[in-house]
Amino acid sequence: MLLRCAGGSRALVEGQAMPSTNTTNVAMEVLKRLENLYRPSLEDYIALNLLNSGVSDFEFLIGVVLSQNTSDRNALKSFNVLKNALRGVLDPNSILGTPLERLESLIKSAGLAKRRAKTLIALAEWFRENSELIQRLRELEPEEVRGLLMKVYGIGPKTIDVYILMRLNKPAFPIDTHIRRVLSRLWRSPTNSYKDMSNTIISMLNNNVDLLKKLHILLIEHGRRVCKARRPLCNQCVLSDLCHYYSTRELPQ
């Protein structure tokens, strides 16, 4: 079934999986509606906060690692505690010079401290061993950057894509739990892989980095506020006429 949405764009809804790049581009319509609705706060998005603070590439990646599987507010708290404890110097040498137990204690507010501490150490070792290569990261294609950083313990596709998009200003689209939930409901795509979802959105927005950044943040915001995991607020959703989940949900008796 085809539904016409505001602005004259159309979206395949009923029975459709993740749109291919040949279907009508609803990404811009989704972006427009969410942009009119939300004004994300720096305190709620560690990537935006760190970029606004003028941190180094290493510090930025530390922050993104701390945000894995926790709230951005908790991650930012851990980041600040860690940096303050290291007297404002957050670099590979200061991380590697900190005993493991102390490192775990400093980042405990982010949760999963033992695993994260090992990742921070692995990241610090990688940066120290590849100092010349790091200077050239901005010259590399996104796939090359992914290939390099995927070798670091505890660093996965989402962390790398946040770095590529937000820090390197190259086309990427990080998929977190909120974004996966929103997109899966919009286009009934629970089995789509991370790569499928990410590449589809990148293509739909024609590799436009600014639009990819905006949509990434806005979909997270929408997932937090409206398209919640257990009880989505469908009747308050500005995307309901585009949404497969909404069109097929069971109404209360």
Protein backbone atom coordinates (compact mmCIF):
# COMPACT_ATOMS: atom_id res chain seq x y z
CA MET A 1 0.00 0.00 0.00
CA LEU A 2 1.27 3.49 -0.84
CA LEU A 3 0.73 6.29 1.63
CA ARG A 4 1.22 9.92 0.70
CA CYS A 5 2.92 12.00 3.34
CA ALA A 6 3.46 15.70 3.88
CA GLY A 7 5.28 17.45 1.08
CA GLY A 8 4.04 14.99 -1.53
CA SER A 9 6.63 12.25 -0.93
CA ARG A 10 5.47 8.63 -0.75
CA ALA A 11 6.59 5.64 1.23
CA LEU A 12 6.08 1.93 0.77
CA VAL A 13 4.61 0.78 4.05
CA GLU A 14 2.67 -2.45 4.13
CA GLY A 15 4.78 -5.57 3.74
CA GLN A 16 7.94 -3.69 2.87
CA ALA A 17 11.38 -4.46 4.21
CA MET A 18 14.18 -1.91 4.37
CA PRO A 19 13.81 0.33 1.29
CA SER A 20 16.34 -0.12 -1.46
CA THR A 21 18.03 2.90 -2.95
CA ASN A 22 15.60 2.67 -5.91
CA THR A 23 12.45 3.26 -3.84
CA THR A 24 11.05 6.69 -3.04
CA ASN A 25 13.40 8.47 -0.70
CA VAL A 26 11.56 8.90 2.59
CA ALA A 27 14.73 9.69 4.55
CA MET A 28 14.43 13.40 3.80
CA GLU A 29 10.79 13.42 4.87
CA VAL A 30 11.67 11.67 8.13
CA LEU A 31 14.52 14.13 8.68
CA LYS A 32 12.31 17.15 8.02
CA ARG A 33 9.61 16.05 10.44
CA LEU A 34 12.01 15.16 13.25
CA GLU A 35 14.03 18.33 12.75
CA ASN A 36 10.87 20.37 13.28
CA LEU A 37 10.19 18.49 16.50
CA TYR A 38 13.48 18.12 18.38
CA ARG A 39 16.33 20.31 19.58
CA PRO A 40 18.88 17.80 20.96
CA SER A 41 20.98 18.89 23.93
CA LEU A 42 24.77 18.62 23.98
CA GLU A 43 24.53 16.96 27.39
CA ASP A 44 22.54 14.09 25.90
CA TYR A 45 24.98 13.31 23.08
CA ILE A 46 28.59 12.72 24.00
CA ALA A 47 29.81 12.96 20.40
CA LEU A 48 28.32 16.44 19.98
CA ASN A 49 29.57 17.49 23.40
CA LEU A 50 33.14 16.37 22.72
CA LEU A 51 33.23 17.96 19.28
CA ASN A 52 32.05 21.20 20.83
CA SER A 53 34.86 20.92 23.41
CA GLY A 54 37.61 20.62 20.81
CA VAL A 55 39.01 17.26 21.88
CA SER A 56 41.63 15.20 20.04
CA ASP A 57 40.82 12.15 17.91
CA PHE A 58 42.01 9.90 20.72
CA GLU A 59 39.83 11.65 23.30
CA PHE A 60 36.85 11.48 20.96
CA LEU A 61 37.22 7.73 20.55
CA ILE A 62 37.64 7.31 24.30
CA GLY A 63 34.32 9.07 24.77
CA VAL A 64 32.56 6.93 22.19
CA VAL A 65 33.92 3.74 23.77
CA LEU A 66 32.59 4.89 27.14
CA SER A 67 29.15 5.43 25.58
CA GLN A 68 28.79 1.81 24.43
CA ASN A 69 25.71 0.20 26.04
CA THR A 70 25.09 3.06 28.45
CA SER A 71 23.57 6.53 28.43
CA ASP A 72 25.55 9.39 26.97
CA ARG A 73 25.20 11.26 30.27
CA ASN A 74 26.88 8.40 32.14
CA ALA A 75 29.57 8.22 29.47
CA LEU A 76 30.25 11.95 29.68
CA LYS A 77 30.47 11.74 33.46
CA SER A 78 33.04 8.94 33.20
CA PHE A 79 34.99 10.82 30.54
CA ASN A 80 35.25 13.93 32.71
CA VAL A 81 36.20 11.94 35.82
CA LEU A 82 38.90 10.13 33.85
CA LYS A 83 40.32 13.27 32.28
CA ASN A 84 40.32 15.19 35.55
CA ALA A 85 42.02 12.32 37.37
CA LEU A 86 44.75 12.34 34.72
CA ARG A 87 45.24 16.08 35.30
CA GLY A 88 43.60 17.06 32.03
CA VAL A 89 45.95 14.97 29.91
CA LEU A 90 44.01 12.21 28.16
CA ASP A 91 46.38 10.64 25.66
CA PRO A 92 47.82 7.17 24.97
CA ASN A 93 50.68 7.64 27.43
CA SER A 94 48.45 8.73 30.31
CA ILE A 95 46.10 5.78 29.74
CA LEU A 96 48.94 3.27 29.50
CA GLY A 97 50.56 4.78 32.59
CA THR A 98 47.44 4.19 34.69
CA PRO A 99 47.14 0.84 36.53
CA LEU A 100 44.28 -1.30 35.25
CA GLU A 101 42.44 -1.34 38.59
CA ARG A 102 42.56 2.44 38.85
CA LEU A 103 41.37 2.82 35.27
CA GLU A 104 38.42 0.55 36.01
CA SER A 105 37.56 2.60 39.09
CA LEU A 106 37.67 5.90 37.21
CA ILE A 107 35.23 4.78 34.50
CA LYS A 108 32.87 2.71 36.66
CA SER A 109 29.96 5.14 36.26
CA ALA A 110 29.72 4.10 32.59
CA GLY A 111 29.34 0.44 33.58
CA LEU A 112 31.17 -2.62 32.20
CA ALA A 113 34.35 -1.10 33.61
CA LYS A 114 36.56 -4.18 33.27
CA ARG A 115 35.80 -4.63 29.58
CA ARG A 116 35.97 -0.92 28.78
CA ALA A 117 39.29 -0.50 30.56
CA LYS A 118 40.81 -3.22 28.39
CA THR A 119 39.45 -1.49 25.29
CA LEU A 120 40.91 1.86 26.36
CA ILE A 121 44.30 0.23 26.87
CA ALA A 122 44.10 -1.52 23.48
CA LEU A 123 43.11 1.76 21.82
CA ALA A 124 45.98 3.60 23.51
CA GLU A 125 48.44 0.94 22.36
CA TRP A 126 47.12 1.17 18.81
CA PHE A 127 47.43 4.96 18.74
CA ARG A 128 50.95 4.86 20.13
CA GLU A 129 52.08 2.19 17.67
CA ASN A 130 50.46 3.88 14.64
CA SER A 131 51.22 7.55 15.19
CA GLU A 132 52.19 8.19 11.56
CA LEU A 133 49.16 6.35 10.19
CA ILE A 134 46.81 8.31 12.45
CA GLN A 135 47.93 11.54 10.80
CA ARG A 136 46.64 10.14 7.49
CA LEU A 137 43.25 8.84 8.63
CA ARG A 138 41.43 11.80 7.09
CA GLU A 139 42.93 10.92 3.73
CA LEU A 140 41.58 7.37 3.80
CA GLU A 141 38.23 6.09 2.57
CA PRO A 142 35.71 5.08 5.27
CA GLU A 143 36.15 1.38 4.52
CA GLU A 144 39.91 1.68 5.00
CA VAL A 145 39.41 3.38 8.36
CA ARG A 146 37.02 0.60 9.40
CA GLY A 147 39.53 -2.05 8.44
CA LEU A 148 42.20 -0.45 10.61
CA LEU A 149 40.13 0.24 13.73
CA MET A 150 38.31 -3.10 13.69
CA LYS A 151 41.64 -4.65 14.69
CA VAL A 152 41.44 -2.92 18.08
CA TYR A 153 39.97 -5.01 20.91
CA GLY A 154 36.45 -3.88 21.85
CA ILE A 155 36.01 -1.50 18.91
CA GLY A 156 33.02 -2.38 16.72
CA PRO A 157 31.27 -1.00 13.63
CA LYS A 158 29.07 1.49 15.47
CA THR A 159 31.95 3.07 17.40
CA ILE A 160 33.99 3.34 14.22
CA ASP A 161 31.11 4.83 12.24
CA VAL A 162 30.50 7.48 14.90
CA TYR A 163 34.17 8.43 14.55
CA ILE A 164 34.06 8.42 10.74
CA LEU A 165 30.87 10.48 10.50
CA MET A 166 31.15 12.89 13.41
CA ARG A 167 34.92 13.34 13.66
CA LEU A 168 36.31 12.65 10.19
CA ASN A 169 33.28 14.17 8.42
CA LYS A 170 33.01 11.27 5.99
CA PRO A 171 29.87 9.36 4.92
CA ALA A 172 28.84 6.75 7.49
CA PHE A 173 25.69 6.01 9.44
CA PRO A 174 26.08 4.53 12.93
CA ILE A 175 23.25 2.20 13.96
CA ASP A 176 22.58 2.04 17.70
CA THR A 177 19.72 0.25 19.48
CA HIS A 178 17.37 3.24 19.16
CA ILE A 179 18.01 3.71 15.45
CA ARG A 180 17.67 -0.01 14.73
CA ARG A 181 14.34 -0.08 16.56
CA VAL A 182 12.94 2.98 14.77
CA LEU A 183 14.04 1.83 11.31
CA SER A 184 12.87 -1.74 11.91
CA ARG A 185 9.42 -0.48 12.84
CA LEU A 186 9.24 2.03 10.01
CA TRP A 187 10.19 -0.50 7.36
CA ARG A 188 9.68 -3.88 9.04
CA SER A 189 13.35 -4.82 8.88
CA PRO A 190 14.24 -6.83 12.01
CA THR A 191 16.55 -9.14 10.06
CA ASN A 192 18.48 -6.46 8.17
CA SER A 193 22.15 -6.42 9.06
CA TYR A 194 23.95 -3.41 10.48
CA LYS A 195 25.71 -2.92 7.15
CA ASP A 196 22.46 -3.14 5.15
CA MET A 197 20.72 -0.53 7.29
CA SER A 198 23.69 1.80 7.34
CA ASN A 199 24.43 1.63 3.62
CA THR A 200 20.77 2.12 2.71
CA ILE A 201 20.51 5.36 4.69
CA ILE A 202 23.83 6.61 3.31
CA SER A 203 22.57 6.00 -0.23
CA MET A 204 19.16 7.54 0.46
CA LEU A 205 20.88 10.73 1.65
CA ASN A 206 23.36 10.69 -1.23
CA ASN A 207 26.45 10.57 1.02
CA ASN A 208 25.59 14.00 2.43
CA VAL A 209 27.55 14.13 5.69
CA ASP A 210 25.57 17.00 7.23
CA LEU A 211 22.25 15.25 6.62
CA LEU A 212 23.61 11.94 7.89
CA LYS A 213 24.73 13.61 11.12
CA LYS A 214 21.35 15.24 11.64
CA LEU A 215 19.36 12.09 10.94
CA HIS A 216 21.59 10.00 13.20
CA ILE A 217 20.99 12.28 16.20
CA LEU A 218 17.29 12.82 15.47
CA LEU A 219 16.50 9.11 15.15
CA ILE A 220 18.17 8.46 18.51
CA GLU A 221 16.13 11.28 20.03
CA HIS A 222 12.94 9.88 18.55
CA GLY A 223 13.75 6.40 19.83
CA ARG A 224 14.35 7.74 23.32
CA ARG A 225 11.25 9.90 23.51
CA VAL A 226 8.55 8.30 21.36
CA CYS A 227 9.51 5.05 19.63
CA LYS A 228 10.33 3.32 22.90
CA ALA A 229 11.21 -0.35 23.17
CA ARG A 230 8.31 -1.62 25.29
CA ARG A 231 5.55 0.93 24.94
CA PRO A 232 6.01 3.08 21.85
CA LEU A 233 3.92 6.24 21.88
CA CYS A 234 2.51 5.65 18.40
CA ASN A 235 -0.37 8.09 18.80
CA GLN A 236 2.15 10.88 19.43
CA CYS A 237 4.45 9.91 16.56
CA VAL A 238 4.92 12.28 13.63
CA LEU A 239 6.04 9.33 11.49
CA SER A 240 3.00 7.11 12.03
CA ASP A 241 1.71 7.46 8.45
CA LEU A 242 5.08 6.20 7.19
CA CYS A 243 5.32 3.34 9.65
CA HIS A 244 4.71 -0.35 8.94
CA TYR A 245 4.52 -1.16 12.66
CA TYR A 246 1.81 1.46 13.20
CA SER A 247 -0.20 0.28 10.20
CA THR A 248 -0.29 -3.33 11.44
CA ARG A 249 -0.39 -2.95 15.24
CA GLU A 250 -3.24 -4.42 17.26
CA LEU A 251 -5.49 -1.74 18.67
CA PRO A 252 -6.73 -2.09 22.27
CA GLN A 253 -10.25 -3.50 22.56
